[in-house]
Amino acid sequence: MNQTQVLRPATPGDVLLSQFLEPNRISQTALATYTGWTRKHVNQLCHGKVAITIDSALILAKVFGNNPDFWLDLQKKVDLWDALHSEDRRSRIDKARPFQLLAA
């Protein structure tokens, strides 16, 4: 396994903090004001307690002038890694069987 498979990808909150808030000296309170979210929600997002939704991706893209896919891709990578590294979820995935499809 290579290192990207072993280490959990950066969460959208990690990226939000390290690439957007901290370098631009934007506080979580200021982000809450610009997004219309509560400061608590911003803090939970920054610390990986809540996930990026389509709505939050659209809002962050508008606030920071980037694409909502940027935020959704970050969340997708974390979600996929979590699913593959969760014993319970992995067990359910392993029980699935493929259909034997007829050739077209």
N, C-alpha and C. Protein backbone atom coordinates (compact mmCIF):
# COMPACT_ATOMS: atom_id res chain seq x y z
N MET A 1 0.83 -1.18 0.00
CA MET A 1 0.00 0.00 0.00
C MET A 1 0.87 1.25 0.00
N ASN A 2 0.52 2.22 -0.83
CA ASN A 2 1.30 3.45 -0.79
C ASN A 2 0.77 4.38 0.30
N GLN A 3 1.50 5.45 0.54
CA GLN A 3 1.19 6.31 1.67
C GLN A 3 -0.18 6.98 1.53
N THR A 4 -0.61 7.29 0.31
CA THR A 4 -1.90 7.94 0.15
C THR A 4 -3.04 7.01 0.57
N GLN A 5 -2.82 5.72 0.49
CA GLN A 5 -3.85 4.78 0.93
C GLN A 5 -3.82 4.58 2.44
N VAL A 6 -2.68 4.77 3.05
CA VAL A 6 -2.53 4.54 4.49
C VAL A 6 -3.02 5.75 5.29
N LEU A 7 -2.69 6.94 4.83
CA LEU A 7 -3.05 8.15 5.56
C LEU A 7 -4.40 8.68 5.12
N ARG A 8 -5.20 9.06 6.09
CA ARG A 8 -6.51 9.65 5.79
C ARG A 8 -6.30 10.98 5.06
N PRO A 9 -7.05 11.22 4.00
CA PRO A 9 -6.90 12.49 3.28
C PRO A 9 -7.27 13.67 4.18
N ALA A 10 -6.77 14.82 3.82
CA ALA A 10 -7.12 16.04 4.55
C ALA A 10 -8.62 16.28 4.43
N THR A 11 -9.22 16.65 5.53
CA THR A 11 -10.65 16.95 5.50
C THR A 11 -10.86 18.32 4.87
N PRO A 12 -12.07 18.60 4.39
CA PRO A 12 -12.33 19.95 3.89
C PRO A 12 -12.04 21.01 4.95
N GLY A 13 -12.30 20.70 6.21
CA GLY A 13 -12.00 21.64 7.28
C GLY A 13 -10.52 21.90 7.44
N ASP A 14 -9.70 20.85 7.29
CA ASP A 14 -8.24 21.02 7.34
C ASP A 14 -7.79 22.00 6.25
N VAL A 15 -8.32 21.81 5.06
CA VAL A 15 -7.96 22.65 3.91
C VAL A 15 -8.50 24.07 4.11
N LEU A 16 -9.72 24.16 4.60
CA LEU A 16 -10.31 25.47 4.87
C LEU A 16 -9.42 26.28 5.82
N LEU A 17 -8.99 25.64 6.89
CA LEU A 17 -8.13 26.32 7.86
C LEU A 17 -6.76 26.65 7.29
N SER A 18 -6.09 25.66 6.72
CA SER A 18 -4.68 25.84 6.33
C SER A 18 -4.48 26.61 5.04
N GLN A 19 -5.46 26.56 4.12
CA GLN A 19 -5.25 27.21 2.83
C GLN A 19 -6.09 28.47 2.61
N PHE A 20 -7.10 28.66 3.44
CA PHE A 20 -7.98 29.80 3.23
C PHE A 20 -8.04 30.74 4.44
N LEU A 21 -8.35 30.20 5.61
CA LEU A 21 -8.52 31.06 6.77
C LEU A 21 -7.19 31.58 7.30
N GLU A 22 -6.30 30.69 7.70
CA GLU A 22 -5.05 31.10 8.35
C GLU A 22 -4.18 31.99 7.46
N PRO A 23 -3.92 31.63 6.18
CA PRO A 23 -3.06 32.48 5.36
C PRO A 23 -3.64 33.88 5.10
N ASN A 24 -4.96 33.97 5.13
CA ASN A 24 -5.62 35.25 4.86
C ASN A 24 -6.07 35.96 6.13
N ARG A 25 -5.69 35.39 7.26
CA ARG A 25 -6.04 35.95 8.58
C ARG A 25 -7.55 36.19 8.71
N ILE A 26 -8.30 35.20 8.27
CA ILE A 26 -9.76 35.25 8.38
C ILE A 26 -10.15 34.42 9.59
N SER A 27 -10.91 35.01 10.49
CA SER A 27 -11.34 34.29 11.69
C SER A 27 -12.56 33.43 11.37
N GLN A 28 -12.80 32.46 12.23
CA GLN A 28 -14.00 31.65 12.08
C GLN A 28 -15.24 32.51 12.24
N THR A 29 -15.17 33.51 13.09
CA THR A 29 -16.30 34.43 13.28
C THR A 29 -16.59 35.20 12.00
N ALA A 30 -15.53 35.67 11.34
CA ALA A 30 -15.71 36.38 10.07
C ALA A 30 -16.31 35.46 9.01
N LEU A 31 -15.82 34.22 8.94
CA LEU A 31 -16.38 33.28 7.97
C LEU A 31 -17.85 33.03 8.26
N ALA A 32 -18.20 32.93 9.53
CA ALA A 32 -19.61 32.74 9.89
C ALA A 32 -20.45 33.90 9.38
N THR A 33 -19.94 35.11 9.51
CA THR A 33 -20.67 36.29 9.04
C THR A 33 -20.85 36.24 7.52
N TYR A 34 -19.80 35.90 6.79
CA TYR A 34 -19.86 35.89 5.33
C TYR A 34 -20.70 34.75 4.78
N THR A 35 -20.78 33.65 5.50
CA THR A 35 -21.53 32.49 5.01
C THR A 35 -22.97 32.46 5.51
N GLY A 36 -23.24 33.16 6.61
CA GLY A 36 -24.56 33.07 7.22
C GLY A 36 -24.70 31.89 8.15
N TRP A 37 -23.60 31.20 8.43
CA TRP A 37 -23.59 30.07 9.35
C TRP A 37 -23.32 30.56 10.76
N THR A 38 -23.59 29.72 11.73
CA THR A 38 -23.20 30.04 13.10
C THR A 38 -21.70 29.81 13.24
N ARG A 39 -21.12 30.47 14.23
CA ARG A 39 -19.69 30.25 14.49
C ARG A 39 -19.46 28.80 14.90
N LYS A 40 -20.44 28.23 15.62
CA LYS A 40 -20.32 26.83 16.04
C LYS A 40 -20.24 25.91 14.82
N HIS A 41 -21.07 26.18 13.82
CA HIS A 41 -21.04 25.34 12.61
C HIS A 41 -19.70 25.47 11.90
N VAL A 42 -19.20 26.69 11.79
CA VAL A 42 -17.89 26.90 11.15
C VAL A 42 -16.81 26.14 11.91
N ASN A 43 -16.84 26.22 13.23
CA ASN A 43 -15.85 25.52 14.05
C ASN A 43 -15.96 24.01 13.86
N GLN A 44 -17.18 23.49 13.82
CA GLN A 44 -17.37 22.05 13.61
C GLN A 44 -16.86 21.63 12.24
N LEU A 45 -17.09 22.46 11.24
CA LEU A 45 -16.59 22.17 9.90
C LEU A 45 -15.06 22.17 9.88
N CYS A 46 -14.47 23.18 10.50
CA CYS A 46 -13.01 23.29 10.53
C CYS A 46 -12.35 22.11 11.24
N HIS A 47 -13.05 21.50 12.16
CA HIS A 47 -12.48 20.39 12.93
C HIS A 47 -13.05 19.02 12.54
N GLY A 48 -13.67 18.95 11.36
CA GLY A 48 -14.12 17.68 10.82
C GLY A 48 -15.30 17.06 11.53
N LYS A 49 -16.05 17.85 12.27
CA LYS A 49 -17.22 17.32 13.01
C LYS A 49 -18.46 17.28 12.13
N VAL A 50 -18.50 18.12 11.10
CA VAL A 50 -19.60 18.09 10.13
C VAL A 50 -19.00 17.99 8.74
N ALA A 51 -19.74 17.40 7.84
CA ALA A 51 -19.27 17.19 6.47
C ALA A 51 -19.72 18.33 5.56
N ILE A 52 -19.03 18.45 4.45
CA ILE A 52 -19.42 19.39 3.40
C ILE A 52 -20.65 18.81 2.70
N THR A 53 -21.65 19.64 2.55
CA THR A 53 -22.84 19.27 1.78
C THR A 53 -22.81 20.04 0.46
N ILE A 54 -23.73 19.73 -0.42
CA ILE A 54 -23.81 20.48 -1.68
C ILE A 54 -24.02 21.96 -1.38
N ASP A 55 -24.94 22.26 -0.45
CA ASP A 55 -25.20 23.66 -0.12
C ASP A 55 -23.96 24.34 0.45
N SER A 56 -23.27 23.68 1.36
CA SER A 56 -22.09 24.31 1.96
C SER A 56 -20.97 24.46 0.92
N ALA A 57 -20.86 23.53 -0.01
CA ALA A 57 -19.86 23.65 -1.08
C ALA A 57 -20.17 24.85 -1.97
N LEU A 58 -21.44 25.05 -2.27
CA LEU A 58 -21.84 26.21 -3.08
C LEU A 58 -21.54 27.51 -2.36
N ILE A 59 -21.80 27.54 -1.06
CA ILE A 59 -21.55 28.75 -0.27
C ILE A 59 -20.05 29.03 -0.18
N LEU A 60 -19.25 28.02 0.15
CA LEU A 60 -17.80 28.22 0.25
C LEU A 60 -17.21 28.64 -1.09
N ALA A 61 -17.71 28.07 -2.18
CA ALA A 61 -17.22 28.44 -3.51
C ALA A 61 -17.52 29.91 -3.79
N LYS A 62 -18.69 30.37 -3.38
CA LYS A 62 -19.04 31.77 -3.59
C LYS A 62 -18.17 32.68 -2.73
N VAL A 63 -17.97 32.32 -1.48
CA VAL A 63 -17.18 33.14 -0.55
C VAL A 63 -15.72 33.22 -0.99
N PHE A 64 -15.15 32.11 -1.44
CA PHE A 64 -13.72 32.08 -1.76
C PHE A 64 -13.42 32.15 -3.26
N GLY A 65 -14.44 32.23 -4.09
CA GLY A 65 -14.23 32.39 -5.52
C GLY A 65 -13.66 31.17 -6.21
N ASN A 66 -14.00 30.00 -5.70
CA ASN A 66 -13.54 28.78 -6.37
C ASN A 66 -14.76 27.96 -6.78
N ASN A 67 -14.55 26.70 -7.06
CA ASN A 67 -15.59 25.84 -7.60
C ASN A 67 -16.15 24.95 -6.50
N PRO A 68 -17.47 24.72 -6.46
CA PRO A 68 -18.02 23.82 -5.44
C PRO A 68 -17.45 22.40 -5.53
N ASP A 69 -17.06 21.99 -6.73
CA ASP A 69 -16.46 20.65 -6.89
C ASP A 69 -15.18 20.51 -6.08
N PHE A 70 -14.46 21.61 -5.90
CA PHE A 70 -13.24 21.58 -5.08
C PHE A 70 -13.57 21.05 -3.69
N TRP A 71 -14.61 21.60 -3.06
CA TRP A 71 -15.00 21.22 -1.70
C TRP A 71 -15.62 19.83 -1.67
N LEU A 72 -16.45 19.53 -2.66
CA LEU A 72 -17.10 18.21 -2.71
C LEU A 72 -16.09 17.10 -2.95
N ASP A 73 -15.08 17.35 -3.78
CA ASP A 73 -14.04 16.34 -4.03
C ASP A 73 -13.25 16.04 -2.75
N LEU A 74 -12.95 17.08 -1.98
CA LEU A 74 -12.26 16.85 -0.70
C LEU A 74 -13.11 15.95 0.20
N GLN A 75 -14.41 16.25 0.29
CA GLN A 75 -15.29 15.46 1.14
C GLN A 75 -15.42 14.04 0.63
N LYS A 76 -15.51 13.89 -0.69
CA LYS A 76 -15.64 12.55 -1.28
C LYS A 76 -14.44 11.68 -0.94
N LYS A 77 -13.24 12.25 -1.01
CA LYS A 77 -12.03 11.48 -0.71
C LYS A 77 -12.01 11.01 0.74
N VAL A 78 -12.43 11.88 1.64
CA VAL A 78 -12.49 11.52 3.07
C VAL A 78 -13.55 10.44 3.29
N ASP A 79 -14.72 10.63 2.69
CA ASP A 79 -15.81 9.66 2.85
C ASP A 79 -15.42 8.28 2.33
N LEU A 80 -14.78 8.25 1.18
CA LEU A 80 -14.35 6.97 0.60
C LEU A 80 -13.30 6.30 1.48
N TRP A 81 -12.32 7.07 1.95
CA TRP A 81 -11.29 6.53 2.82
C TRP A 81 -11.93 5.98 4.10
N ASP A 82 -12.85 6.75 4.69
CA ASP A 82 -13.51 6.30 5.91
C ASP A 82 -14.28 5.00 5.69
N ALA A 83 -14.97 4.90 4.56
CA ALA A 83 -15.73 3.68 4.27
C ALA A 83 -14.82 2.47 4.12
N LEU A 84 -13.69 2.66 3.47
CA LEU A 84 -12.76 1.55 3.25
C LEU A 84 -11.98 1.17 4.50
N HIS A 85 -11.91 2.06 5.47
CA HIS A 85 -11.13 1.80 6.67
C HIS A 85 -11.98 1.60 7.92
N SER A 86 -13.28 1.53 7.76
CA SER A 86 -14.17 1.25 8.87
C SER A 86 -14.46 -0.25 8.87
N GLU A 87 -14.17 -0.91 9.96
CA GLU A 87 -14.36 -2.36 10.03
C GLU A 87 -15.82 -2.74 9.76
N ASP A 88 -16.75 -2.03 10.37
CA ASP A 88 -18.17 -2.33 10.20
C ASP A 88 -18.62 -2.10 8.75
N ARG A 89 -18.24 -0.97 8.21
CA ARG A 89 -18.64 -0.67 6.84
C ARG A 89 -17.95 -1.60 5.86
N ARG A 90 -16.71 -1.91 6.10
CA ARG A 90 -15.96 -2.81 5.22
C ARG A 90 -16.58 -4.20 5.22
N SER A 91 -17.04 -4.65 6.38
CA SER A 91 -17.68 -5.96 6.49
C SER A 91 -18.94 -6.01 5.62
N ARG A 92 -19.74 -4.94 5.66
CA ARG A 92 -20.95 -4.90 4.83
C ARG A 92 -20.61 -4.84 3.35
N ILE A 93 -19.57 -4.11 3.00
CA ILE A 93 -19.15 -4.01 1.60
C ILE A 93 -18.67 -5.37 1.11
N ASP A 94 -17.90 -6.06 1.93
CA ASP A 94 -17.35 -7.36 1.55
C ASP A 94 -18.44 -8.41 1.34
N LYS A 95 -19.59 -8.25 1.98
CA LYS A 95 -20.69 -9.21 1.84
C LYS A 95 -21.44 -9.05 0.52
N ALA A 96 -21.28 -7.92 -0.15
CA ALA A 96 -21.97 -7.69 -1.42
C ALA A 96 -21.41 -8.62 -2.49
N ARG A 97 -22.29 -9.04 -3.40
CA ARG A 97 -21.88 -9.92 -4.50
C ARG A 97 -22.23 -9.26 -5.82
N PRO A 98 -21.40 -9.44 -6.83
CA PRO A 98 -21.71 -8.85 -8.14
C PRO A 98 -22.75 -9.67 -8.89
N PHE A 99 -23.57 -8.99 -9.68
CA PHE A 99 -24.48 -9.67 -10.58
C PHE A 99 -23.68 -10.30 -11.71
N GLN A 100 -24.17 -11.40 -12.22
CA GLN A 100 -23.60 -12.00 -13.43
C GLN A 100 -24.43 -11.45 -14.60
N LEU A 101 -23.95 -10.39 -15.22
CA LEU A 101 -24.70 -9.72 -16.28
C LEU A 101 -24.52 -10.44 -17.61
N LEU A 102 -25.57 -10.42 -18.40
CA LEU A 102 -25.50 -10.98 -19.74
C LEU A 102 -24.78 -10.00 -20.65
N ALA A 103 -24.01 -10.52 -21.58
CA ALA A 103 -23.31 -9.65 -22.53
C ALA A 103 -24.34 -8.98 -23.44
N ALA A 104 -24.09 -7.75 -23.79
CA ALA A 104 -25.04 -7.00 -24.63
C ALA A 104 -24.92 -7.39 -26.08
